[in-house]
Amino acid sequence: SGAVVPNATVVITNTGTNEKRTGTTNASGDYNFTLLPVGHYSIS
């Protein structure tokens, strides 16, 4: 419906090195991962 989803679990994975980072969305449904090495990522 377009409503934001807080507290969702977000996992990003560097497909080259299999490095993972985990976070959760805030009250506005936003997530943010910084200082990532360039490359290809999967996001669940």
PDB file of all heavy atoms in Angstrom:
ATOM      1  N   SER A   1       0.814  -1.211   0.000  1.00  0.00           N
ATOM      2  CA  SER A   1       0.000   0.000   0.000  1.00  0.00           C
ATOM      3  C   SER A   1       0.850   1.264   0.000  1.00  0.00           C
ATOM      4  O   SER A   1       0.317   2.376  -0.071  1.00  0.00           O
ATOM      5  CB  SER A   1      -0.917   0.003   1.237  1.00  0.00           C
ATOM      6  OG  SER A   1      -0.158   0.139   2.431  1.00  0.00           O
ATOM      7  N   GLY A   2       2.182   1.103   0.141  1.00  0.00           N
ATOM      8  CA  GLY A   2       3.070   2.257   0.182  1.00  0.00           C
ATOM      9  C   GLY A   2       3.430   2.695   1.575  1.00  0.00           C
ATOM     10  O   GLY A   2       4.201   3.649   1.753  1.00  0.00           O
ATOM     11  N   ALA A   3       2.877   2.038   2.605  1.00  0.00           N
ATOM     12  CA  ALA A   3       3.209   2.376   3.983  1.00  0.00           C
ATOM     13  C   ALA A   3       4.603   1.858   4.318  1.00  0.00           C
ATOM     14  O   ALA A   3       5.009   0.779   3.869  1.00  0.00           O
ATOM     15  CB  ALA A   3       2.181   1.782   4.929  1.00  0.00           C
ATOM     16  N   VAL A   4       5.350   2.601   5.124  1.00  0.00           N
ATOM     17  CA  VAL A   4       6.716   2.207   5.446  1.00  0.00           C
ATOM     18  C   VAL A   4       6.704   1.022   6.399  1.00  0.00           C
ATOM     19  O   VAL A   4       5.752   0.816   7.161  1.00  0.00           O
ATOM     20  CB  VAL A   4       7.496   3.386   6.070  1.00  0.00           C
ATOM     21  CG1 VAL A   4       7.589   4.543   5.086  1.00  0.00           C
ATOM     22  CG2 VAL A   4       6.874   3.836   7.377  1.00  0.00           C
ATOM     23  N   VAL A   5       7.790   0.236   6.343  1.00  0.00           N
ATOM     24  CA  VAL A   5       7.912  -0.960   7.188  1.00  0.00           C
ATOM     25  C   VAL A   5       9.120  -0.749   8.096  1.00  0.00           C
ATOM     26  O   VAL A   5      10.266  -0.887   7.663  1.00  0.00           O
ATOM     27  CB  VAL A   5       8.092  -2.227   6.337  1.00  0.00           C
ATOM     28  CG1 VAL A   5       8.238  -3.454   7.243  1.00  0.00           C
ATOM     29  CG2 VAL A   5       6.937  -2.395   5.372  1.00  0.00           C
ATOM     30  N   PRO A   6       8.907  -0.421   9.369  1.00  0.00           N
ATOM     31  CA  PRO A   6      10.036  -0.278  10.293  1.00  0.00           C
ATOM     32  C   PRO A   6      10.508  -1.628  10.803  1.00  0.00           C
ATOM     33  O   PRO A   6       9.805  -2.636  10.708  1.00  0.00           O
ATOM     34  CB  PRO A   6       9.439   0.570  11.426  1.00  0.00           C
ATOM     35  CG  PRO A   6       7.987   0.223  11.421  1.00  0.00           C
ATOM     36  CD  PRO A   6       7.622  -0.069   9.978  1.00  0.00           C
ATOM     37  N   ASN A   7      11.740  -1.635  11.355  1.00  0.00           N
ATOM     38  CA  ASN A   7      12.320  -2.820  12.002  1.00  0.00           C
ATOM     39  C   ASN A   7      12.462  -4.020  11.067  1.00  0.00           C
ATOM     40  O   ASN A   7      12.518  -5.165  11.535  1.00  0.00           O
ATOM     41  CB  ASN A   7      11.498  -3.215  13.240  1.00  0.00           C
ATOM     42  CG  ASN A   7      11.473  -2.117  14.276  1.00  0.00           C
ATOM     43  OD1 ASN A   7      12.502  -1.498  14.554  1.00  0.00           O
ATOM     44  ND2 ASN A   7      10.291  -1.849  14.842  1.00  0.00           N
ATOM     45  N   ALA A   8      12.495  -3.787   9.773  1.00  0.00           N
ATOM     46  CA  ALA A   8      12.781  -4.873   8.835  1.00  0.00           C
ATOM     47  C   ALA A   8      14.284  -5.157   8.857  1.00  0.00           C
ATOM     48  O   ALA A   8      15.108  -4.254   9.004  1.00  0.00           O
ATOM     49  CB  ALA A   8      12.343  -4.489   7.426  1.00  0.00           C
ATOM     50  N   THR A   9      14.641  -6.427   8.753  1.00  0.00           N
ATOM     51  CA  THR A   9      16.054  -6.830   8.759  1.00  0.00           C
ATOM     52  C   THR A   9      16.604  -6.775   7.338  1.00  0.00           C
ATOM     53  O   THR A   9      16.056  -7.405   6.429  1.00  0.00           O
ATOM     54  CB  THR A   9      16.225  -8.243   9.325  1.00  0.00           C
ATOM     55  OG1 THR A   9      15.720  -8.270  10.667  1.00  0.00           O
ATOM     56  CG2 THR A   9      17.685  -8.657   9.320  1.00  0.00           C
ATOM     57  N   VAL A  10      17.703  -6.019   7.166  1.00  0.00           N
ATOM     58  CA  VAL A  10      18.323  -5.857   5.845  1.00  0.00           C
ATOM     59  C   VAL A  10      19.746  -6.410   5.917  1.00  0.00           C
ATOM     60  O   VAL A  10      20.529  -6.022   6.800  1.00  0.00           O
ATOM     61  CB  VAL A  10      18.357  -4.378   5.408  1.00  0.00           C
ATOM     62  CG1 VAL A  10      18.933  -4.254   4.005  1.00  0.00           C
ATOM     63  CG2 VAL A  10      16.963  -3.771   5.474  1.00  0.00           C
ATOM     64  N   VAL A  11      20.081  -7.325   5.015  1.00  0.00           N
ATOM     65  CA  VAL A  11      21.418  -7.912   4.958  1.00  0.00           C
ATOM     66  C   VAL A  11      21.975  -7.673   3.559  1.00  0.00           C
ATOM     67  O   VAL A  11      21.347  -8.038   2.567  1.00  0.00           O
ATOM     68  CB  VAL A  11      21.391  -9.422   5.262  1.00  0.00           C
ATOM     69  CG1 VAL A  11      22.803 -10.000   5.165  1.00  0.00           C
ATOM     70  CG2 VAL A  11      20.796  -9.686   6.631  1.00  0.00           C
ATOM     71  N   ILE A  12      23.148  -7.038   3.486  1.00  0.00           N
ATOM     72  CA  ILE A  12      23.815  -6.877   2.194  1.00  0.00           C
ATOM     73  C   ILE A  12      25.062  -7.758   2.181  1.00  0.00           C
ATOM     74  O   ILE A  12      25.750  -7.896   3.201  1.00  0.00           O
ATOM     75  CB  ILE A  12      24.177  -5.404   1.911  1.00  0.00           C
ATOM     76  CG1 ILE A  12      25.202  -4.876   2.912  1.00  0.00           C
ATOM     77  CG2 ILE A  12      22.938  -4.519   1.924  1.00  0.00           C
ATOM     78  CD1 ILE A  12      25.760  -3.523   2.529  1.00  0.00           C
ATOM     79  N   THR A  13      25.330  -8.358   1.020  1.00  0.00           N
ATOM     80  CA  THR A  13      26.442  -9.301   0.888  1.00  0.00           C
ATOM     81  C   THR A  13      27.266  -8.936  -0.329  1.00  0.00           C
ATOM     82  O   THR A  13      26.728  -8.787  -1.432  1.00  0.00           O
ATOM     83  CB  THR A  13      25.927 -10.740   0.735  1.00  0.00           C
ATOM     84  OG1 THR A  13      25.086 -11.061   1.849  1.00  0.00           O
ATOM     85  CG2 THR A  13      27.080 -11.725   0.664  1.00  0.00           C
ATOM     86  N   ASN A  14      28.572  -8.773  -0.139  1.00  0.00           N
ATOM     87  CA  ASN A  14      29.491  -8.573  -1.253  1.00  0.00           C
ATOM     88  C   ASN A  14      29.649  -9.918  -1.956  1.00  0.00           C
ATOM     89  O   ASN A  14      30.165 -10.879  -1.378  1.00  0.00           O
ATOM     90  CB  ASN A  14      30.832  -8.061  -0.741  1.00  0.00           C
ATOM     91  CG  ASN A  14      31.797  -7.695  -1.855  1.00  0.00           C
ATOM     92  OD1 ASN A  14      31.976  -8.450  -2.813  1.00  0.00           O
ATOM     93  ND2 ASN A  14      32.431  -6.540  -1.725  1.00  0.00           N
ATOM     94  N   THR A  15      29.204  -9.995  -3.202  1.00  0.00           N
ATOM     95  CA  THR A  15      29.200 -11.284  -3.896  1.00  0.00           C
ATOM     96  C   THR A  15      30.606 -11.772  -4.234  1.00  0.00           C
ATOM     97  O   THR A  15      30.792 -12.955  -4.519  1.00  0.00           O
ATOM     98  CB  THR A  15      28.366 -11.196  -5.184  1.00  0.00           C
ATOM     99  OG1 THR A  15      28.905 -10.174  -6.035  1.00  0.00           O
ATOM    100  CG2 THR A  15      26.907 -10.863  -4.863  1.00  0.00           C
ATOM    101  N   GLY A  16      31.599 -10.865  -4.216  1.00  0.00           N
ATOM    102  CA  GLY A  16      32.966 -11.288  -4.515  1.00  0.00           C
ATOM    103  C   GLY A  16      33.680 -11.880  -3.320  1.00  0.00           C
ATOM    104  O   GLY A  16      34.421 -12.856  -3.457  1.00  0.00           O
ATOM    105  N   THR A  17      33.478 -11.290  -2.135  1.00  0.00           N
ATOM    106  CA  THR A  17      34.208 -11.726  -0.947  1.00  0.00           C
ATOM    107  C   THR A  17      33.313 -12.357   0.106  1.00  0.00           C
ATOM    108  O   THR A  17      33.808 -12.818   1.132  1.00  0.00           O
ATOM    109  CB  THR A  17      34.929 -10.524  -0.309  1.00  0.00           C
ATOM    110  OG1 THR A  17      33.958  -9.558   0.115  1.00  0.00           O
ATOM    111  CG2 THR A  17      35.882  -9.865  -1.312  1.00  0.00           C
ATOM    112  N   ASN A  18      32.004 -12.341  -0.098  1.00  0.00           N
ATOM    113  CA  ASN A  18      31.024 -12.894   0.833  1.00  0.00           C
ATOM    114  C   ASN A  18      30.984 -12.124   2.160  1.00  0.00           C
ATOM    115  O   ASN A  18      30.522 -12.634   3.181  1.00  0.00           O
ATOM    116  CB  ASN A  18      31.293 -14.376   1.117  1.00  0.00           C
ATOM    117  CG  ASN A  18      30.032 -15.105   1.567  1.00  0.00           C
ATOM    118  OD1 ASN A  18      28.930 -14.786   1.138  1.00  0.00           O
ATOM    119  ND2 ASN A  18      30.195 -16.082   2.455  1.00  0.00           N
ATOM    120  N   GLU A  19      31.465 -10.884   2.159  1.00  0.00           N
ATOM    121  CA  GLU A  19      31.365 -10.044   3.352  1.00  0.00           C
ATOM    122  C   GLU A  19      29.916  -9.592   3.527  1.00  0.00           C
ATOM    123  O   GLU A  19      29.277  -9.147   2.582  1.00  0.00           O
ATOM    124  CB  GLU A  19      32.274  -8.819   3.227  1.00  0.00           C
ATOM    125  CG  GLU A  19      32.194  -7.876   4.415  1.00  0.00           C
ATOM    126  CD  GLU A  19      33.001  -6.606   4.212  1.00  0.00           C
ATOM    127  OE1 GLU A  19      33.673  -6.496   3.169  1.00  0.00           O
ATOM    128  OE2 GLU A  19      32.958  -5.732   5.098  1.00  0.00           O
ATOM    129  N   LYS A  20      29.409  -9.692   4.756  1.00  0.00           N
ATOM    130  CA  LYS A  20      28.010  -9.356   5.031  1.00  0.00           C
ATOM    131  C   LYS A  20      27.927  -8.199   6.026  1.00  0.00           C
ATOM    132  O   LYS A  20      28.770  -8.062   6.918  1.00  0.00           O
ATOM    133  CB  LYS A  20      27.253 -10.558   5.605  1.00  0.00           C
ATOM    134  CG  LYS A  20      27.180 -11.773   4.692  1.00  0.00           C
ATOM    135  CD  LYS A  20      26.440 -12.911   5.361  1.00  0.00           C
ATOM    136  CE  LYS A  20      26.454 -14.175   4.515  1.00  0.00           C
ATOM    137  NZ  LYS A  20      25.697 -14.013   3.259  1.00  0.00           N
ATOM    138  N   ARG A  21      26.902  -7.385   5.845  1.00  0.00           N
ATOM    139  CA  ARG A  21      26.557  -6.373   6.846  1.00  0.00           C
ATOM    140  C   ARG A  21      25.048  -6.459   7.090  1.00  0.00           C
ATOM    141  O   ARG A  21      24.278  -6.641   6.145  1.00  0.00           O
ATOM    142  CB  ARG A  21      26.929  -4.965   6.384  1.00  0.00           C
ATOM    143  CG  ARG A  21      28.428  -4.721   6.280  1.00  0.00           C
ATOM    144  CD  ARG A  21      28.724  -3.251   6.175  1.00  0.00           C
ATOM    145  NE  ARG A  21      30.091  -2.994   5.755  1.00  0.00           N
ATOM    146  CZ  ARG A  21      30.588  -1.785   5.547  1.00  0.00           C
ATOM    147  NH1 ARG A  21      29.797  -0.717   5.722  1.00  0.00           N
ATOM    148  NH2 ARG A  21      31.838  -1.617   5.168  1.00  0.00           N
ATOM    149  N   THR A  22      24.677  -6.300   8.350  1.00  0.00           N
ATOM    150  CA  THR A  22      23.270  -6.440   8.737  1.00  0.00           C
ATOM    151  C   THR A  22      22.793  -5.163   9.417  1.00  0.00           C
ATOM    152  O   THR A  22      23.518  -4.568  10.229  1.00  0.00           O
ATOM    153  CB  THR A  22      23.084  -7.628   9.688  1.00  0.00           C
ATOM    154  OG1 THR A  22      23.547  -8.816   9.046  1.00  0.00           O
ATOM    155  CG2 THR A  22      21.619  -7.803  10.051  1.00  0.00           C
ATOM    156  N   GLY A  23      21.581  -4.753   9.106  1.00  0.00           N
ATOM    157  CA  GLY A  23      20.985  -3.579   9.729  1.00  0.00           C
ATOM    158  C   GLY A  23      19.473  -3.708   9.753  1.00  0.00           C
ATOM    159  O   GLY A  23      18.898  -4.692   9.241  1.00  0.00           O
ATOM    160  N   THR A  24      18.817  -2.732  10.342  1.00  0.00           N
ATOM    161  CA  THR A  24      17.352  -2.710  10.392  1.00  0.00           C
ATOM    162  C   THR A  24      16.848  -1.355   9.935  1.00  0.00           C
ATOM    163  O   THR A  24      17.558  -0.339  10.031  1.00  0.00           O
ATOM    164  CB  THR A  24      16.846  -2.985  11.815  1.00  0.00           C
ATOM    165  OG1 THR A  24      17.404  -2.007  12.707  1.00  0.00           O
ATOM    166  CG2 THR A  24      17.235  -4.373  12.273  1.00  0.00           C
ATOM    167  N   THR A  25      15.646  -1.349   9.405  1.00  0.00           N
ATOM    168  CA  THR A  25      15.052  -0.081   8.986  1.00  0.00           C
ATOM    169  C   THR A  25      14.591   0.705  10.203  1.00  0.00           C
ATOM    170  O   THR A  25      14.209   0.140  11.231  1.00  0.00           O
ATOM    171  CB  THR A  25      13.864  -0.323   8.043  1.00  0.00           C
ATOM    172  OG1 THR A  25      12.894  -1.140   8.714  1.00  0.00           O
ATOM    173  CG2 THR A  25      14.307  -1.000   6.761  1.00  0.00           C
ATOM    174  N   ASN A  26      14.646   2.045  10.063  1.00  0.00           N
ATOM    175  CA  ASN A  26      14.225   2.891  11.184  1.00  0.00           C
ATOM    176  C   ASN A  26      12.717   3.123  11.136  1.00  0.00           C
ATOM    177  O   ASN A  26      11.992   2.481  10.365  1.00  0.00           O
ATOM    178  CB  ASN A  26      15.006   4.204  11.174  1.00  0.00           C
ATOM    179  CG  ASN A  26      14.780   4.999   9.897  1.00  0.00           C
ATOM    180  OD1 ASN A  26      13.822   4.763   9.159  1.00  0.00           O
ATOM    181  ND2 ASN A  26      15.662   5.934   9.638  1.00  0.00           N
ATOM    182  N   ALA A  27      12.238   4.057  11.964  1.00  0.00           N
ATOM    183  CA  ALA A  27      10.803   4.306  12.044  1.00  0.00           C
ATOM    184  C   ALA A  27      10.220   4.812  10.741  1.00  0.00           C
ATOM    185  O   ALA A  27       9.004   4.696  10.506  1.00  0.00           O
ATOM    186  CB  ALA A  27      10.521   5.309  13.166  1.00  0.00           C
ATOM    187  N   SER A  28      11.074   5.354   9.877  1.00  0.00           N
ATOM    188  CA  SER A  28      10.615   5.839   8.569  1.00  0.00           C
ATOM    189  C   SER A  28      10.770   4.788   7.474  1.00  0.00           C
ATOM    190  O   SER A  28      10.554   5.074   6.294  1.00  0.00           O
ATOM    191  CB  SER A  28      11.383   7.105   8.182  1.00  0.00           C
ATOM    192  OG  SER A  28      11.191   8.136   9.138  1.00  0.00           O
ATOM    193  N   GLY A  29      11.183   3.577   7.865  1.00  0.00           N
ATOM    194  CA  GLY A  29      11.361   2.510   6.890  1.00  0.00           C
ATOM    195  C   GLY A  29      12.647   2.617   6.092  1.00  0.00           C
ATOM    196  O   GLY A  29      12.826   1.898   5.109  1.00  0.00           O
ATOM    197  N   ASP A  30      13.570   3.480   6.525  1.00  0.00           N
ATOM    198  CA  ASP A  30      14.808   3.697   5.776  1.00  0.00           C
ATOM    199  C   ASP A  30      15.932   2.823   6.306  1.00  0.00           C
ATOM    200  O   ASP A  30      16.032   2.556   7.504  1.00  0.00           O
ATOM    201  CB  ASP A  30      15.233   5.168   5.867  1.00  0.00           C
ATOM    202  CG  ASP A  30      14.205   6.106   5.252  1.00  0.00           C
ATOM    203  OD1 ASP A  30      13.669   5.754   4.190  1.00  0.00           O
ATOM    204  OD2 ASP A  30      13.961   7.181   5.836  1.00  0.00           O
ATOM    205  N   TYR A  31      16.838   2.426   5.393  1.00  0.00           N
ATOM    206  CA  TYR A  31      18.077   1.753   5.771  1.00  0.00           C
ATOM    207  C   TYR A  31      19.229   2.424   5.022  1.00  0.00           C
ATOM    208  O   TYR A  31      19.043   3.053   3.987  1.00  0.00           O
ATOM    209  CB  TYR A  31      18.031   0.254   5.469  1.00  0.00           C
ATOM    210  CG  TYR A  31      18.051  -0.102   3.998  1.00  0.00           C
ATOM    211  CD1 TYR A  31      19.254  -0.325   3.336  1.00  0.00           C
ATOM    212  CD2 TYR A  31      16.862  -0.221   3.270  1.00  0.00           C
ATOM    213  CE1 TYR A  31      19.275  -0.659   1.975  1.00  0.00           C
ATOM    214  CE2 TYR A  31      16.882  -0.548   1.929  1.00  0.00           C
ATOM    215  CZ  TYR A  31      18.093  -0.758   1.288  1.00  0.00           C
ATOM    216  OH  TYR A  31      18.109  -1.072  -0.052  1.00  0.00           O
ATOM    217  N   ASN A  32      20.435   2.279   5.579  1.00  0.00           N
ATOM    218  CA  ASN A  32      21.583   2.978   5.008  1.00  0.00           C
ATOM    219  C   ASN A  32      22.862   2.233   5.389  1.00  0.00           C
ATOM    220  O   ASN A  32      23.130   2.016   6.568  1.00  0.00           O
ATOM    221  CB  ASN A  32      21.625   4.420   5.539  1.00  0.00           C
ATOM    222  CG  ASN A  32      22.707   5.241   4.861  1.00  0.00           C
ATOM    223  OD1 ASN A  32      23.233   4.847   3.839  1.00  0.00           O
ATOM    224  ND2 ASN A  32      23.042   6.372   5.458  1.00  0.00           N
ATOM    225  N   PHE A  33      23.647   1.833   4.378  1.00  0.00           N
ATOM    226  CA  PHE A  33      24.952   1.207   4.604  1.00  0.00           C
ATOM    227  C   PHE A  33      26.010   2.081   3.928  1.00  0.00           C
ATOM    228  O   PHE A  33      25.881   2.407   2.748  1.00  0.00           O
ATOM    229  CB  PHE A  33      24.995  -0.207   4.016  1.00  0.00           C
ATOM    230  CG  PHE A  33      24.073  -1.174   4.710  1.00  0.00           C
ATOM    231  CD1 PHE A  33      22.781  -1.363   4.250  1.00  0.00           C
ATOM    232  CD2 PHE A  33      24.500  -1.876   5.822  1.00  0.00           C
ATOM    233  CE1 PHE A  33      21.921  -2.254   4.875  1.00  0.00           C
ATOM    234  CE2 PHE A  33      23.644  -2.771   6.463  1.00  0.00           C
ATOM    235  CZ  PHE A  33      22.360  -2.959   5.986  1.00  0.00           C
ATOM    236  N   THR A  34      27.042   2.444   4.679  1.00  0.00           N
ATOM    237  CA  THR A  34      28.048   3.375   4.174  1.00  0.00           C
ATOM    238  C   THR A  34      29.424   2.727   4.102  1.00  0.00           C
ATOM    239  O   THR A  34      29.666   1.653   4.675  1.00  0.00           O
ATOM    240  CB  THR A  34      28.137   4.620   5.077  1.00  0.00           C
ATOM    241  OG1 THR A  34      28.606   4.223   6.374  1.00  0.00           O
ATOM    242  CG2 THR A  34      26.778   5.282   5.219  1.00  0.00           C
ATOM    243  N   LEU A  35      30.338   3.413   3.405  1.00  0.00           N
ATOM    244  CA  LEU A  35      31.732   2.991   3.275  1.00  0.00           C
ATOM    245  C   LEU A  35      31.860   1.558   2.761  1.00  0.00           C
ATOM    246  O   LEU A  35      32.624   0.748   3.281  1.00  0.00           O
ATOM    247  CB  LEU A  35      32.471   3.131   4.610  1.00  0.00           C
ATOM    248  CG  LEU A  35      32.710   4.566   5.112  1.00  0.00           C
ATOM    249  CD1 LEU A  35      33.376   4.549   6.469  1.00  0.00           C
ATOM    250  CD2 LEU A  35      33.545   5.355   4.131  1.00  0.00           C
ATOM    251  N   LEU A  36      31.119   1.260   1.721  1.00  0.00           N
ATOM    252  CA  LEU A  36      31.173  -0.071   1.115  1.00  0.00           C
ATOM    253  C   LEU A  36      32.226  -0.093   0.016  1.00  0.00           C
ATOM    254  O   LEU A  36      32.292   0.823  -0.806  1.00  0.00           O
ATOM    255  CB  LEU A  36      29.817  -0.437   0.512  1.00  0.00           C
ATOM    256  CG  LEU A  36      28.633  -0.510   1.480  1.00  0.00           C
ATOM    257  CD1 LEU A  36      27.332  -0.665   0.693  1.00  0.00           C
ATOM    258  CD2 LEU A  36      28.821  -1.658   2.460  1.00  0.00           C
ATOM    259  N   PRO A  37      33.054  -1.130  -0.054  1.00  0.00           N
ATOM    260  CA  PRO A  37      33.962  -1.261  -1.190  1.00  0.00           C
ATOM    261  C   PRO A  37      33.174  -1.375  -2.499  1.00  0.00           C
ATOM    262  O   PRO A  37      32.064  -1.930  -2.513  1.00  0.00           O
ATOM    263  CB  PRO A  37      34.715  -2.566  -0.885  1.00  0.00           C
ATOM    264  CG  PRO A  37      34.574  -2.770   0.587  1.00  0.00           C
ATOM    265  CD  PRO A  37      33.232  -2.208   0.938  1.00  0.00           C
ATOM    266  N   VAL A  38      33.719  -0.839  -3.571  1.00  0.00           N
ATOM    267  CA  VAL A  38      33.023  -0.938  -4.859  1.00  0.00           C
ATOM    268  C   VAL A  38      32.921  -2.400  -5.264  1.00  0.00           C
ATOM    269  O   VAL A  38      33.746  -3.230  -4.890  1.00  0.00           O
ATOM    270  CB  VAL A  38      33.758  -0.128  -5.945  1.00  0.00           C
ATOM    271  CG1 VAL A  38      33.809   1.333  -5.587  1.00  0.00           C
ATOM    272  CG2 VAL A  38      35.161  -0.682  -6.176  1.00  0.00           C
ATOM    273  N   GLY A  39      31.874  -2.720  -6.007  1.00  0.00           N
ATOM    274  CA  GLY A  39      31.684  -4.094  -6.448  1.00  0.00           C
ATOM    275  C   GLY A  39      30.222  -4.423  -6.627  1.00  0.00           C
ATOM    276  O   GLY A  39      29.390  -3.543  -6.877  1.00  0.00           O
ATOM    277  N   HIS A  40      29.889  -5.691  -6.493  1.00  0.00           N
ATOM    278  CA  HIS A  40      28.522  -6.177  -6.686  1.00  0.00           C
ATOM    279  C   HIS A  40      27.975  -6.697  -5.359  1.00  0.00           C
ATOM    280  O   HIS A  40      28.674  -7.413  -4.625  1.00  0.00           O
ATOM    281  CB  HIS A  40      28.493  -7.287  -7.741  1.00  0.00           C
ATOM    282  CG  HIS A  40      28.875  -6.813  -9.109  1.00  0.00           C
ATOM    283  ND1 HIS A  40      27.956  -6.509 -10.084  1.00  0.00           N
ATOM    284  CD2 HIS A  40      30.095  -6.568  -9.660  1.00  0.00           C
ATOM    285  CE1 HIS A  40      28.570  -6.110 -11.174  1.00  0.00           C
ATOM    286  NE2 HIS A  40      29.882  -6.135 -10.940  1.00  0.00           N
ATOM    287  N   TYR A  41      26.719  -6.366  -5.077  1.00  0.00           N
ATOM    288  CA  TYR A  41      26.099  -6.720  -3.794  1.00  0.00           C
ATOM    289  C   TYR A  41      24.728  -7.349  -4.028  1.00  0.00           C
ATOM    290  O   TYR A  41      24.016  -6.989  -4.965  1.00  0.00           O
ATOM    291  CB  TYR A  41      25.937  -5.488  -2.907  1.00  0.00           C
ATOM    292  CG  TYR A  41      27.251  -4.964  -2.369  1.00  0.00           C
ATOM    293  CD1 TYR A  41      28.046  -4.109  -3.127  1.00  0.00           C
ATOM    294  CD2 TYR A  41      27.713  -5.348  -1.108  1.00  0.00           C
ATOM    295  CE1 TYR A  41      29.251  -3.640  -2.642  1.00  0.00           C
ATOM    296  CE2 TYR A  41      28.916  -4.884  -0.615  1.00  0.00           C
ATOM    297  CZ  TYR A  41      29.690  -4.031  -1.386  1.00  0.00           C
ATOM    298  OH  TYR A  41      30.886  -3.576  -0.906  1.00  0.00           O
ATOM    299  N   SER A  42      24.381  -8.278  -3.126  1.00  0.00           N
ATOM    300  CA  SER A  42      22.995  -8.763  -3.038  1.00  0.00           C
ATOM    301  C   SER A  42      22.395  -8.194  -1.761  1.00  0.00           C
ATOM    302  O   SER A  42      23.098  -7.996  -0.761  1.00  0.00           O
ATOM    303  CB  SER A  42      22.951 -10.296  -3.020  1.00  0.00           C
ATOM    304  OG  SER A  42      23.553 -10.801  -1.846  1.00  0.00           O
ATOM    305  N   ILE A  43      21.085  -7.927  -1.805  1.00  0.00           N
ATOM    306  CA  ILE A  43      20.403  -7.284  -0.673  1.00  0.00           C
ATOM    307  C   ILE A  43      19.156  -8.088  -0.356  1.00  0.00           C
ATOM    308  O   ILE A  43      18.281  -8.259  -1.209  1.00  0.00           O
ATOM    309  CB  ILE A  43      20.022  -5.832  -1.015  1.00  0.00           C
ATOM    310  CG1 ILE A  43      21.258  -5.055  -1.460  1.00  0.00           C
ATOM    311  CG2 ILE A  43      19.355  -5.154   0.173  1.00  0.00           C
ATOM    312  CD1 ILE A  43      20.934  -3.735  -2.111  1.00  0.00           C
ATOM    313  N   SER A  44      19.067  -8.591   0.878  1.00  0.00           N
ATOM    314  CA  SER A  44      17.878  -9.336   1.293  1.00  0.00           C
ATOM    315  C   SER A  44      17.159  -8.554   2.393  1.00  0.00           C
ATOM    316  O   SER A  44      17.791  -7.950   3.266  1.00  0.00           O
ATOM    317  CB  SER A  44      18.250 -10.730   1.797  1.00  0.00           C
ATOM    318  OG  SER A  44      19.003 -10.661   2.984  1.00  0.00           O
TER     319      SER A  44
END
